[in-house]
Amino acid sequence: MKFEEWEPMYERILDDMGYDRSSDESSARLLKALMQMADLIDDDDMYDILGKDVAVIGPADPDLTGLSGRTVIAAGSATEIVMKEIVPDIVVTDLDGDIGSQIEASAEGAITFMHAHGDNSDLIMKYCREFKGPVILTTQSVPDNVIRNYGGFTDGDRAVCIARHFGSSSIELRGFDFKRPAVKDGSDPVTKMRKLVWAERIIMDGSGDIILP
């Protein structure tokens, strides 16, 4: 997804959720500054790495059988679940959830799509340099030649946008529940539900490539 295609929805999300675009952009600048010496992957490499058939794994009790032949993308907090069985090919994260499993996946070769937004600058400061494997930096706002924007709002729908951007034609969702969110400690269940409304909308927009369980 190109930024000019994503920006109108991004503006609607900002308006609906009451978020500040300048905070997103400040957090993105921080991530870029801290990760300038990281093992950054470019888009050309990802076109070769990310296969046509993808499984995006969410945290809602996913079935991890029969994944052979699919590129496995763990969405944020689902990484802890996936790592009990396999190392995912890709982790999409804004650095919350069980960060230890995400760092472990990175150390074992998973590509991390590391996201900056207005609410996670403290987590960026604390954790971003712990990821030693290949990394792609992402933002919700304006991208540049270092920090990218493939579309998406939460880890799960951002993973789907990434798969679509790199040409995946079959995207299987496992462990996604848009009606009964898994709420992390300290988070607001009402806000989480509002985020999932946007996540479902983003995923199901042009959903001919989506396979639901």
N, C-alpha and C. Protein backbone atom coordinates (compact mmCIF):
# COMPACT_ATOMS: atom_id res chain seq x y z
N MET A 1 0.84 -1.20 0.00
CA MET A 1 0.00 0.00 0.00
C MET A 1 0.88 1.25 0.00
N LYS A 2 0.58 2.16 -0.89
CA LYS A 2 1.29 3.42 -0.92
C LYS A 2 0.71 4.36 0.14
N PHE A 3 1.56 5.31 0.61
CA PHE A 3 1.12 6.18 1.70
C PHE A 3 -0.09 7.01 1.30
N GLU A 4 -0.14 7.46 0.06
CA GLU A 4 -1.28 8.28 -0.35
C GLU A 4 -2.58 7.49 -0.34
N GLU A 5 -2.49 6.15 -0.44
CA GLU A 5 -3.68 5.30 -0.32
C GLU A 5 -4.06 5.11 1.15
N TRP A 6 -3.06 5.03 2.01
CA TRP A 6 -3.27 4.79 3.43
C TRP A 6 -3.69 6.06 4.18
N GLU A 7 -3.17 7.20 3.78
CA GLU A 7 -3.33 8.42 4.58
C GLU A 7 -4.78 8.78 4.89
N PRO A 8 -5.74 8.68 3.96
CA PRO A 8 -7.12 9.03 4.33
C PRO A 8 -7.67 8.18 5.48
N MET A 9 -7.37 6.88 5.47
CA MET A 9 -7.84 6.04 6.58
C MET A 9 -7.10 6.40 7.86
N TYR A 10 -5.82 6.65 7.74
CA TYR A 10 -5.03 7.07 8.90
C TYR A 10 -5.62 8.32 9.55
N GLU A 11 -6.00 9.28 8.75
CA GLU A 11 -6.60 10.50 9.28
C GLU A 11 -7.93 10.20 9.98
N ARG A 12 -8.70 9.27 9.44
CA ARG A 12 -9.97 8.90 10.10
C ARG A 12 -9.71 8.21 11.43
N ILE A 13 -8.67 7.37 11.48
CA ILE A 13 -8.32 6.70 12.73
C ILE A 13 -7.88 7.72 13.77
N LEU A 14 -7.04 8.66 13.38
CA LEU A 14 -6.60 9.69 14.32
C LEU A 14 -7.79 10.45 14.89
N ASP A 15 -8.72 10.78 14.02
CA ASP A 15 -9.90 11.54 14.45
C ASP A 15 -10.77 10.71 15.39
N ASP A 16 -10.98 9.44 15.05
CA ASP A 16 -11.85 8.57 15.84
C ASP A 16 -11.24 8.25 17.20
N MET A 17 -9.93 7.98 17.22
CA MET A 17 -9.27 7.55 18.45
C MET A 17 -8.74 8.72 19.28
N GLY A 18 -8.72 9.91 18.69
CA GLY A 18 -8.20 11.07 19.41
C GLY A 18 -6.70 11.09 19.54
N TYR A 19 -6.00 10.47 18.59
CA TYR A 19 -4.55 10.42 18.62
C TYR A 19 -3.94 11.63 17.92
N ASP A 20 -2.69 11.91 18.25
CA ASP A 20 -1.98 13.08 17.74
C ASP A 20 -0.94 12.64 16.71
N ARG A 21 -1.09 13.12 15.49
CA ARG A 21 -0.16 12.74 14.42
C ARG A 21 1.27 13.16 14.75
N SER A 22 1.45 14.30 15.36
CA SER A 22 2.81 14.75 15.67
C SER A 22 3.51 13.81 16.65
N SER A 23 2.74 13.18 17.54
CA SER A 23 3.33 12.21 18.46
C SER A 23 3.79 10.96 17.72
N ASP A 24 3.00 10.51 16.74
CA ASP A 24 3.42 9.40 15.89
C ASP A 24 4.74 9.73 15.20
N GLU A 25 4.84 10.93 14.68
CA GLU A 25 6.02 11.31 13.91
C GLU A 25 7.25 11.49 14.81
N SER A 26 7.04 11.99 16.01
CA SER A 26 8.14 12.11 16.97
C SER A 26 8.68 10.74 17.36
N SER A 27 7.78 9.79 17.59
CA SER A 27 8.19 8.43 17.94
C SER A 27 8.94 7.78 16.78
N ALA A 28 8.50 8.04 15.56
CA ALA A 28 9.18 7.49 14.38
C ALA A 28 10.59 8.04 14.26
N ARG A 29 10.77 9.31 14.52
CA ARG A 29 12.12 9.90 14.48
C ARG A 29 13.02 9.27 15.53
N LEU A 30 12.47 8.99 16.70
CA LEU A 30 13.24 8.34 17.76
C LEU A 30 13.68 6.95 17.32
N LEU A 31 12.75 6.17 16.79
CA LEU A 31 13.09 4.82 16.34
C LEU A 31 14.16 4.85 15.27
N LYS A 32 14.03 5.75 14.33
CA LYS A 32 15.01 5.88 13.25
C LYS A 32 16.39 6.22 13.80
N ALA A 33 16.45 7.13 14.75
CA ALA A 33 17.75 7.54 15.32
C ALA A 33 18.41 6.40 16.08
N LEU A 34 17.62 5.66 16.84
CA LEU A 34 18.20 4.60 17.67
C LEU A 34 18.61 3.37 16.86
N MET A 35 17.95 3.16 15.72
CA MET A 35 18.20 1.92 14.95
C MET A 35 19.02 2.15 13.68
N GLN A 36 19.71 3.27 13.58
CA GLN A 36 20.44 3.55 12.36
C GLN A 36 21.58 2.57 12.09
N MET A 37 22.06 1.89 13.13
CA MET A 37 23.14 0.91 12.96
C MET A 37 22.61 -0.53 12.94
N ALA A 38 21.30 -0.70 12.91
CA ALA A 38 20.71 -2.05 12.92
C ALA A 38 20.86 -2.71 11.56
N ASP A 39 20.56 -4.00 11.51
CA ASP A 39 20.59 -4.77 10.26
C ASP A 39 19.28 -4.51 9.51
N LEU A 40 19.23 -3.39 8.77
CA LEU A 40 18.01 -2.97 8.12
C LEU A 40 17.86 -3.65 6.76
N ILE A 41 16.68 -4.19 6.52
CA ILE A 41 16.35 -4.89 5.28
C ILE A 41 15.62 -3.94 4.35
N ASP A 42 15.91 -4.02 3.06
CA ASP A 42 15.17 -3.15 2.13
C ASP A 42 14.06 -3.93 1.43
N ASP A 43 13.21 -3.19 0.73
CA ASP A 43 12.03 -3.79 0.11
C ASP A 43 12.38 -4.85 -0.92
N ASP A 44 13.43 -4.65 -1.68
CA ASP A 44 13.80 -5.62 -2.71
C ASP A 44 14.05 -6.99 -2.10
N ASP A 45 14.70 -7.02 -0.94
CA ASP A 45 14.94 -8.30 -0.26
C ASP A 45 13.63 -8.94 0.17
N MET A 46 12.69 -8.14 0.65
CA MET A 46 11.44 -8.69 1.15
C MET A 46 10.60 -9.31 0.05
N TYR A 47 10.67 -8.79 -1.14
CA TYR A 47 9.91 -9.39 -2.24
C TYR A 47 10.38 -10.83 -2.49
N ASP A 48 11.66 -11.08 -2.22
CA ASP A 48 12.20 -12.43 -2.40
C ASP A 48 11.90 -13.33 -1.20
N ILE A 49 11.76 -12.72 -0.01
CA ILE A 49 11.63 -13.49 1.23
C ILE A 49 10.18 -13.87 1.51
N LEU A 50 9.26 -12.93 1.31
CA LEU A 50 7.87 -13.15 1.71
C LEU A 50 7.13 -13.88 0.60
N GLY A 51 6.68 -15.09 0.89
CA GLY A 51 6.11 -15.95 -0.15
C GLY A 51 4.70 -15.56 -0.54
N LYS A 52 4.19 -16.25 -1.54
CA LYS A 52 2.83 -16.00 -2.02
C LYS A 52 1.77 -16.45 -1.01
N ASP A 53 2.09 -17.48 -0.24
CA ASP A 53 1.14 -18.03 0.75
C ASP A 53 1.63 -17.68 2.15
N VAL A 54 0.79 -16.99 2.90
CA VAL A 54 1.18 -16.44 4.20
C VAL A 54 0.16 -16.87 5.26
N ALA A 55 0.64 -17.13 6.46
CA ALA A 55 -0.23 -17.30 7.63
C ALA A 55 0.10 -16.22 8.64
N VAL A 56 -0.88 -15.39 8.97
CA VAL A 56 -0.71 -14.37 10.01
C VAL A 56 -1.31 -14.91 11.29
N ILE A 57 -0.49 -14.97 12.34
CA ILE A 57 -0.90 -15.60 13.60
C ILE A 57 -1.21 -14.52 14.63
N GLY A 58 -2.44 -14.55 15.15
CA GLY A 58 -2.85 -13.67 16.23
C GLY A 58 -2.87 -14.42 17.55
N PRO A 59 -3.19 -13.73 18.65
CA PRO A 59 -3.07 -14.32 19.98
C PRO A 59 -4.27 -15.10 20.49
N ALA A 60 -5.36 -15.18 19.71
CA ALA A 60 -6.60 -15.78 20.20
C ALA A 60 -6.62 -17.29 19.92
N ASP A 61 -5.81 -18.04 20.69
CA ASP A 61 -5.78 -19.51 20.61
C ASP A 61 -5.59 -20.01 19.19
N PRO A 62 -4.47 -19.66 18.53
CA PRO A 62 -4.28 -20.07 17.14
C PRO A 62 -3.94 -21.54 17.00
N ASP A 63 -4.40 -22.13 15.91
CA ASP A 63 -4.01 -23.49 15.51
C ASP A 63 -2.71 -23.37 14.73
N LEU A 64 -1.66 -24.03 15.21
CA LEU A 64 -0.34 -23.91 14.58
C LEU A 64 0.04 -25.15 13.77
N THR A 65 -0.94 -25.99 13.45
CA THR A 65 -0.66 -27.16 12.63
C THR A 65 -0.76 -26.79 11.15
N GLY A 66 -0.07 -27.57 10.32
CA GLY A 66 -0.22 -27.44 8.88
C GLY A 66 0.26 -26.14 8.29
N LEU A 67 1.34 -25.58 8.84
CA LEU A 67 1.86 -24.31 8.34
C LEU A 67 2.94 -24.47 7.28
N SER A 68 3.31 -25.69 7.00
CA SER A 68 4.36 -25.93 6.01
C SER A 68 4.01 -25.31 4.67
N GLY A 69 4.97 -24.63 4.08
CA GLY A 69 4.75 -24.00 2.78
C GLY A 69 4.24 -22.59 2.86
N ARG A 70 3.91 -22.11 4.06
CA ARG A 70 3.46 -20.73 4.24
C ARG A 70 4.51 -19.91 4.98
N THR A 71 4.64 -18.66 4.60
CA THR A 71 5.43 -17.72 5.39
C THR A 71 4.64 -17.39 6.65
N VAL A 72 5.25 -17.60 7.81
CA VAL A 72 4.55 -17.42 9.09
C VAL A 72 4.90 -16.05 9.66
N ILE A 73 3.86 -15.24 9.86
CA ILE A 73 4.02 -13.91 10.45
C ILE A 73 3.32 -13.91 11.80
N ALA A 74 4.09 -13.66 12.86
CA ALA A 74 3.52 -13.55 14.21
C ALA A 74 3.20 -12.09 14.48
N ALA A 75 1.96 -11.82 14.86
CA ALA A 75 1.52 -10.46 15.15
C ALA A 75 1.71 -10.17 16.62
N GLY A 76 2.72 -9.40 16.95
CA GLY A 76 2.96 -8.90 18.30
C GLY A 76 2.95 -9.95 19.37
N SER A 77 1.95 -9.87 20.27
CA SER A 77 1.90 -10.74 21.44
C SER A 77 1.70 -12.21 21.09
N ALA A 78 1.31 -12.52 19.86
CA ALA A 78 1.19 -13.92 19.45
C ALA A 78 2.55 -14.59 19.31
N THR A 79 3.62 -13.82 19.29
CA THR A 79 4.96 -14.39 19.13
C THR A 79 5.27 -15.38 20.23
N GLU A 80 4.86 -15.08 21.45
CA GLU A 80 5.11 -15.98 22.57
C GLU A 80 4.48 -17.35 22.30
N ILE A 81 3.28 -17.38 21.75
CA ILE A 81 2.60 -18.63 21.45
C ILE A 81 3.30 -19.37 20.32
N VAL A 82 3.63 -18.65 19.26
CA VAL A 82 4.27 -19.26 18.10
C VAL A 82 5.63 -19.85 18.46
N MET A 83 6.39 -19.16 19.28
CA MET A 83 7.74 -19.60 19.62
C MET A 83 7.76 -20.89 20.42
N LYS A 84 6.64 -21.29 20.98
CA LYS A 84 6.58 -22.58 21.66
C LYS A 84 6.62 -23.74 20.68
N GLU A 85 6.31 -23.46 19.39
CA GLU A 85 6.27 -24.50 18.37
C GLU A 85 7.33 -24.30 17.28
N ILE A 86 7.42 -23.08 16.76
CA ILE A 86 8.33 -22.78 15.66
C ILE A 86 8.84 -21.34 15.79
N VAL A 87 9.91 -21.06 15.07
CA VAL A 87 10.37 -19.67 14.94
C VAL A 87 9.64 -19.06 13.75
N PRO A 88 8.88 -17.99 13.96
CA PRO A 88 8.19 -17.37 12.82
C PRO A 88 9.19 -16.78 11.83
N ASP A 89 8.78 -16.66 10.59
CA ASP A 89 9.63 -16.01 9.61
C ASP A 89 9.71 -14.51 9.85
N ILE A 90 8.60 -13.94 10.32
CA ILE A 90 8.47 -12.50 10.50
C ILE A 90 7.71 -12.23 11.79
N VAL A 91 8.12 -11.19 12.51
CA VAL A 91 7.38 -10.68 13.66
C VAL A 91 7.02 -9.23 13.38
N VAL A 92 5.74 -8.89 13.57
CA VAL A 92 5.27 -7.52 13.40
C VAL A 92 4.90 -7.00 14.78
N THR A 93 5.59 -5.96 15.25
CA THR A 93 5.42 -5.58 16.65
C THR A 93 5.56 -4.08 16.87
N ASP A 94 4.80 -3.58 17.85
CA ASP A 94 5.03 -2.24 18.37
C ASP A 94 5.67 -2.31 19.76
N LEU A 95 6.29 -3.46 20.03
CA LEU A 95 7.16 -3.66 21.19
C LEU A 95 6.42 -3.79 22.52
N ASP A 96 5.13 -4.20 22.46
CA ASP A 96 4.48 -4.54 23.72
C ASP A 96 4.25 -6.05 23.76
N GLY A 97 3.51 -6.52 24.74
CA GLY A 97 3.33 -7.97 24.89
C GLY A 97 4.57 -8.60 25.49
N ASP A 98 4.74 -9.89 25.27
CA ASP A 98 5.91 -10.61 25.80
C ASP A 98 7.12 -10.29 24.92
N ILE A 99 7.86 -9.27 25.32
CA ILE A 99 8.97 -8.79 24.50
C ILE A 99 10.10 -9.81 24.42
N GLY A 100 10.26 -10.64 25.46
CA GLY A 100 11.34 -11.62 25.48
C GLY A 100 11.26 -12.59 24.32
N SER A 101 10.06 -13.06 24.00
CA SER A 101 9.90 -14.01 22.90
C SER A 101 10.17 -13.33 21.56
N GLN A 102 9.86 -12.06 21.45
CA GLN A 102 10.11 -11.33 20.21
C GLN A 102 11.61 -11.12 20.00
N ILE A 103 12.32 -10.80 21.07
CA ILE A 103 13.77 -10.66 20.99
C ILE A 103 14.42 -12.00 20.66
N GLU A 104 13.90 -13.07 21.26
CA GLU A 104 14.42 -14.42 20.97
C GLU A 104 14.19 -14.78 19.51
N ALA A 105 13.00 -14.50 18.98
CA ALA A 105 12.73 -14.79 17.57
C ALA A 105 13.70 -14.04 16.67
N SER A 106 13.97 -12.78 17.01
CA SER A 106 14.92 -11.98 16.24
C SER A 106 16.31 -12.61 16.28
N ALA A 107 16.74 -13.05 17.44
CA ALA A 107 18.05 -13.68 17.58
C ALA A 107 18.16 -14.96 16.76
N GLU A 108 17.02 -15.61 16.53
CA GLU A 108 17.02 -16.86 15.77
C GLU A 108 16.72 -16.63 14.29
N GLY A 109 16.71 -15.37 13.86
CA GLY A 109 16.65 -15.07 12.44
C GLY A 109 15.36 -14.52 11.90
N ALA A 110 14.33 -14.38 12.75
CA ALA A 110 13.07 -13.79 12.27
C ALA A 110 13.30 -12.33 11.89
N ILE A 111 12.65 -11.91 10.83
CA ILE A 111 12.68 -10.50 10.44
C ILE A 111 11.64 -9.75 11.26
N THR A 112 12.05 -8.66 11.90
CA THR A 112 11.16 -7.88 12.74
C THR A 112 10.73 -6.61 12.04
N PHE A 113 9.42 -6.45 11.85
CA PHE A 113 8.86 -5.17 11.42
C PHE A 113 8.53 -4.40 12.70
N MET A 114 9.38 -3.44 13.03
CA MET A 114 9.30 -2.73 14.31
C MET A 114 8.61 -1.38 14.10
N HIS A 115 7.53 -1.17 14.85
CA HIS A 115 6.62 -0.06 14.58
C HIS A 115 6.72 1.03 15.64
N ALA A 116 6.70 2.28 15.17
CA ALA A 116 6.67 3.44 16.07
C ALA A 116 5.31 4.12 15.99
N HIS A 117 4.73 4.42 17.15
CA HIS A 117 3.52 5.25 17.20
C HIS A 117 3.58 6.11 18.45
N GLY A 118 2.63 6.99 18.60
CA GLY A 118 2.70 8.00 19.64
C GLY A 118 2.72 7.49 21.06
N ASP A 119 2.27 6.24 21.27
CA ASP A 119 2.18 5.71 22.64
C ASP A 119 3.34 4.78 23.02
N ASN A 120 4.30 4.58 22.15
CA ASN A 120 5.31 3.56 22.49
C ASN A 120 6.74 4.06 22.49
N SER A 121 6.97 5.36 22.60
CA SER A 121 8.34 5.87 22.60
C SER A 121 9.14 5.33 23.78
N ASP A 122 8.47 5.11 24.93
CA ASP A 122 9.18 4.55 26.08
C ASP A 122 9.62 3.12 25.81
N LEU A 123 8.79 2.34 25.12
CA LEU A 123 9.15 0.97 24.78
C LEU A 123 10.26 0.94 23.73
N ILE A 124 10.23 1.87 22.80
CA ILE A 124 11.31 1.98 21.82
C ILE A 124 12.64 2.22 22.52
N MET A 125 12.65 3.17 23.43
CA MET A 125 13.88 3.48 24.18
C MET A 125 14.39 2.26 24.93
N LYS A 126 13.46 1.49 25.49
CA LYS A 126 13.84 0.38 26.37
C LYS A 126 14.30 -0.85 25.61
N TYR A 127 13.63 -1.14 24.45
CA TYR A 127 13.81 -2.46 23.86
C TYR A 127 14.41 -2.50 22.45
N CYS A 128 14.33 -1.44 21.67
CA CYS A 128 14.59 -1.61 20.23
C CYS A 128 15.98 -2.15 19.94
N ARG A 129 16.97 -1.76 20.71
CA ARG A 129 18.34 -2.19 20.43
C ARG A 129 18.62 -3.62 20.89
N GLU A 130 17.64 -4.24 21.56
CA GLU A 130 17.80 -5.64 21.95
C GLU A 130 17.58 -6.59 20.78
N PHE A 131 17.00 -6.09 19.70
CA PHE A 131 16.72 -6.93 18.54
C PHE A 131 17.97 -6.98 17.65
N LYS A 132 18.56 -8.16 17.55
CA LYS A 132 19.84 -8.30 16.85
C LYS A 132 19.68 -8.85 15.43
N GLY A 133 18.52 -9.34 15.09
CA GLY A 133 18.30 -9.86 13.75
C GLY A 133 17.91 -8.78 12.77
N PRO A 134 17.54 -9.16 11.54
CA PRO A 134 17.15 -8.18 10.52
C PRO A 134 15.87 -7.45 10.90
N VAL A 135 15.81 -6.16 10.56
CA VAL A 135 14.74 -5.29 11.01
C VAL A 135 14.26 -4.41 9.86
N ILE A 136 12.96 -4.14 9.84
CA ILE A 136 12.39 -3.08 9.02
C ILE A 136 11.62 -2.16 9.96
N LEU A 137 11.87 -0.87 9.86
CA LEU A 137 11.24 0.12 10.73
C LEU A 137 9.98 0.66 10.06
N THR A 138 8.89 0.79 10.83
CA THR A 138 7.63 1.27 10.24
C THR A 138 7.02 2.38 11.08
N THR A 139 6.20 3.18 10.40
CA THR A 139 5.48 4.28 11.01
C THR A 139 4.04 4.27 10.51
N GLN A 140 3.15 4.94 11.25
CA GLN A 140 1.78 5.15 10.79
C GLN A 140 1.67 6.38 9.90
N SER A 141 2.69 7.25 10.01
CA SER A 141 2.64 8.52 9.31
C SER A 141 3.57 8.50 8.09
N VAL A 142 4.14 9.64 7.74
CA VAL A 142 4.88 9.78 6.50
C VAL A 142 6.16 8.94 6.51
N PRO A 143 6.34 8.06 5.54
CA PRO A 143 7.56 7.25 5.46
C PRO A 143 8.69 8.02 4.79
N ASP A 144 9.90 7.46 4.88
CA ASP A 144 11.02 7.98 4.11
C ASP A 144 11.86 6.79 3.65
N ASN A 145 13.12 7.01 3.31
CA ASN A 145 13.91 5.91 2.77
C ASN A 145 14.42 4.95 3.84
N VAL A 146 14.17 5.26 5.12
CA VAL A 146 14.61 4.38 6.22
C VAL A 146 13.42 3.79 6.96
N ILE A 147 12.41 4.61 7.23
CA ILE A 147 11.26 4.14 7.98
C ILE A 147 10.05 4.07 7.04
N ARG A 148 9.40 2.92 7.00
CA ARG A 148 8.42 2.62 5.96
C ARG A 148 7.00 2.68 6.49
N ASN A 149 6.07 2.71 5.57
CA ASN A 149 4.65 2.63 5.91
C ASN A 149 3.95 1.80 4.86
N TYR A 150 3.53 0.59 5.26
CA TYR A 150 2.81 -0.31 4.36
C TYR A 150 1.31 -0.31 4.65
N GLY A 151 0.88 0.58 5.54
CA GLY A 151 -0.51 0.59 5.98
C GLY A 151 -0.69 -0.24 7.23
N GLY A 152 -1.82 -0.03 7.89
CA GLY A 152 -2.14 -0.83 9.07
C GLY A 152 -2.06 -0.03 10.35
N PHE A 153 -2.83 -0.48 11.34
CA PHE A 153 -2.99 0.23 12.60
C PHE A 153 -2.54 -0.61 13.79
N THR A 154 -3.06 -1.83 13.93
CA THR A 154 -2.62 -2.74 14.98
C THR A 154 -1.65 -3.75 14.38
N ASP A 155 -0.97 -4.51 15.25
CA ASP A 155 0.01 -5.47 14.75
C ASP A 155 -0.61 -6.44 13.74
N GLY A 156 -1.83 -6.92 14.02
CA GLY A 156 -2.45 -7.93 13.15
C GLY A 156 -2.79 -7.41 11.78
N ASP A 157 -3.49 -6.28 11.72
CA ASP A 157 -3.85 -5.77 10.39
C ASP A 157 -2.64 -5.20 9.67
N ARG A 158 -1.65 -4.69 10.43
CA ARG A 158 -0.42 -4.24 9.79
C ARG A 158 0.31 -5.41 9.13
N ALA A 159 0.28 -6.58 9.77
CA ALA A 159 0.89 -7.78 9.18
C ALA A 159 0.21 -8.14 7.86
N VAL A 160 -1.11 -8.02 7.83
CA VAL A 160 -1.84 -8.30 6.59
C VAL A 160 -1.47 -7.28 5.51
N CYS A 161 -1.38 -6.01 5.87
CA CYS A 161 -0.99 -4.98 4.90
C CYS A 161 0.41 -5.24 4.35
N ILE A 162 1.31 -5.69 5.21
CA ILE A 162 2.67 -6.01 4.76
C ILE A 162 2.65 -7.15 3.76
N ALA A 163 1.90 -8.21 4.08
CA ALA A 163 1.81 -9.34 3.16
C ALA A 163 1.24 -8.91 1.81
N ARG A 164 0.21 -8.10 1.84
CA ARG A 164 -0.38 -7.61 0.59
C ARG A 164 0.61 -6.76 -0.19
N HIS A 165 1.33 -5.90 0.51
CA HIS A 165 2.28 -5.00 -0.16
C HIS A 165 3.32 -5.78 -0.93
N PHE A 166 3.78 -6.88 -0.35
CA PHE A 166 4.85 -7.66 -0.98
C PHE A 166 4.32 -8.79 -1.86
N GLY A 167 3.05 -8.72 -2.22
CA GLY A 167 2.53 -9.57 -3.28
C GLY A 167 1.98 -10.91 -2.88
N SER A 168 1.75 -11.14 -1.58
CA SER A 168 1.16 -12.42 -1.17
C SER A 168 -0.27 -12.51 -1.70
N SER A 169 -0.62 -13.65 -2.26
CA SER A 169 -1.94 -13.81 -2.86
C SER A 169 -2.89 -14.60 -1.96
N SER A 170 -2.36 -15.27 -0.94
CA SER A 170 -3.18 -16.07 -0.03
C SER A 170 -2.72 -15.76 1.39
N ILE A 171 -3.61 -15.16 2.19
CA ILE A 171 -3.27 -14.77 3.56
C ILE A 171 -4.25 -15.45 4.50
N GLU A 172 -3.75 -16.41 5.24
CA GLU A 172 -4.58 -17.17 6.19
C GLU A 172 -4.47 -16.54 7.57
N LEU A 173 -5.60 -16.24 8.18
CA LEU A 173 -5.63 -15.69 9.53
C LEU A 173 -5.88 -16.80 10.54
N ARG A 174 -5.03 -16.88 11.54
CA ARG A 174 -5.21 -17.84 12.63
C ARG A 174 -5.07 -17.09 13.96
N GLY A 175 -5.97 -17.37 14.87
CA GLY A 175 -5.90 -16.73 16.18
C GLY A 175 -6.36 -15.29 16.17
N PHE A 176 -7.34 -14.98 15.31
CA PHE A 176 -7.93 -13.64 15.27
C PHE A 176 -9.37 -13.72 15.79
N ASP A 177 -9.69 -12.86 16.75
CA ASP A 177 -11.05 -12.76 17.26
C ASP A 177 -11.37 -11.28 17.41
N PHE A 178 -12.16 -10.75 16.48
CA PHE A 178 -12.44 -9.32 16.47
C PHE A 178 -13.54 -8.94 17.46
N LYS A 179 -14.21 -9.92 18.04
CA LYS A 179 -15.33 -9.64 18.94
C LYS A 179 -14.97 -9.80 20.40
N ARG A 180 -14.00 -10.65 20.70
CA ARG A 180 -13.60 -10.90 22.09
C ARG A 180 -12.09 -10.70 22.19
N PRO A 181 -11.64 -9.46 22.37
CA PRO A 181 -10.21 -9.18 22.36
C PRO A 181 -9.49 -9.73 23.58
N ALA A 182 -8.24 -10.15 23.35
CA ALA A 182 -7.37 -10.54 24.46
C ALA A 182 -6.73 -9.26 24.98
N VAL A 183 -7.13 -8.83 26.16
CA VAL A 183 -6.68 -7.54 26.71
C VAL A 183 -5.44 -7.75 27.57
N LYS A 184 -4.39 -6.98 27.28
CA LYS A 184 -3.16 -7.06 28.05
C LYS A 184 -3.33 -6.35 29.39
N ASP A 185 -2.50 -6.73 30.36
CA ASP A 185 -2.53 -6.09 31.67
C ASP A 185 -2.30 -4.59 31.51
N GLY A 186 -3.15 -3.81 32.19
CA GLY A 186 -2.98 -2.37 32.18
C GLY A 186 -3.62 -1.66 31.00
N SER A 187 -4.18 -2.42 30.05
CA SER A 187 -4.80 -1.78 28.89
C SER A 187 -6.32 -1.67 29.09
N ASP A 188 -6.92 -0.78 28.34
CA ASP A 188 -8.35 -0.50 28.46
C ASP A 188 -9.13 -1.36 27.48
N PRO A 189 -10.02 -2.23 27.95
CA PRO A 189 -10.76 -3.10 27.04
C PRO A 189 -11.63 -2.35 26.04
N VAL A 190 -12.15 -1.19 26.41
CA VAL A 190 -12.97 -0.41 25.49
C VAL A 190 -12.11 0.11 24.34
N THR A 191 -10.94 0.64 24.67
CA THR A 191 -10.02 1.11 23.62
C THR A 191 -9.59 -0.04 22.74
N LYS A 192 -9.30 -1.19 23.34
CA LYS A 192 -8.90 -2.36 22.56
C LYS A 192 -9.99 -2.75 21.58
N MET A 193 -11.23 -2.73 22.02
CA MET A 193 -12.33 -3.09 21.13
C MET A 193 -12.45 -2.10 19.98
N ARG A 194 -12.27 -0.82 20.26
CA ARG A 194 -12.32 0.19 19.19
C ARG A 194 -11.19 -0.03 18.19
N LYS A 195 -10.01 -0.41 18.67
CA LYS A 195 -8.90 -0.69 17.77
C LYS A 195 -9.22 -1.89 16.87
N LEU A 196 -9.87 -2.89 17.45
CA LEU A 196 -10.19 -4.08 16.66
C LEU A 196 -11.23 -3.81 15.59
N VAL A 197 -12.11 -2.85 15.84
CA VAL A 197 -13.06 -2.45 14.79
C VAL A 197 -12.29 -1.94 13.58
N TRP A 198 -11.28 -1.12 13.81
CA TRP A 198 -10.46 -0.62 12.71
C TRP A 198 -9.64 -1.74 12.08
N ALA A 199 -9.10 -2.63 12.92
CA ALA A 199 -8.30 -3.73 12.40
C ALA A 199 -9.11 -4.61 11.46
N GLU A 200 -10.32 -4.94 11.86
CA GLU A 200 -11.18 -5.77 11.01
C GLU A 200 -11.50 -5.05 9.71
N ARG A 201 -11.78 -3.77 9.80
CA ARG A 201 -12.10 -3.00 8.60
C ARG A 201 -10.93 -2.99 7.62
N ILE A 202 -9.73 -2.81 8.14
CA ILE A 202 -8.53 -2.78 7.28
C ILE A 202 -8.29 -4.14 6.65
N ILE A 203 -8.40 -5.20 7.44
CA ILE A 203 -8.14 -6.54 6.93
C ILE A 203 -9.16 -6.95 5.89
N MET A 204 -10.42 -6.66 6.13
CA MET A 204 -11.47 -7.15 5.24
C MET A 204 -11.70 -6.24 4.04
N ASP A 205 -11.01 -5.11 3.96
CA ASP A 205 -11.09 -4.25 2.80
C ASP A 205 -10.36 -4.90 1.64
N GLY A 206 -11.11 -5.34 0.62
CA GLY A 206 -10.48 -6.08 -0.47
C GLY A 206 -10.02 -7.44 0.00
N SER A 207 -10.93 -8.19 0.64
CA SER A 207 -10.56 -9.40 1.38
C SER A 207 -10.51 -10.67 0.53
N GLY A 208 -10.41 -10.53 -0.78
CA GLY A 208 -10.36 -11.73 -1.61
C GLY A 208 -9.15 -12.60 -1.37
N ASP A 209 -8.09 -12.03 -0.75
CA ASP A 209 -6.89 -12.80 -0.46
C ASP A 209 -6.91 -13.44 0.93
N ILE A 210 -7.96 -13.19 1.72
CA ILE A 210 -8.01 -13.63 3.11
C ILE A 210 -8.66 -15.01 3.22
N ILE A 211 -8.00 -15.88 4.01
CA ILE A 211 -8.56 -17.19 4.33
C ILE A 211 -8.85 -17.21 5.82
N LEU A 212 -10.11 -17.37 6.19
CA LEU A 212 -10.49 -17.44 7.60
C LEU A 212 -10.65 -18.89 8.01
N PRO A 213 -10.36 -19.19 9.28
CA PRO A 213 -10.48 -20.59 9.77
C PRO A 213 -11.93 -21.04 9.76
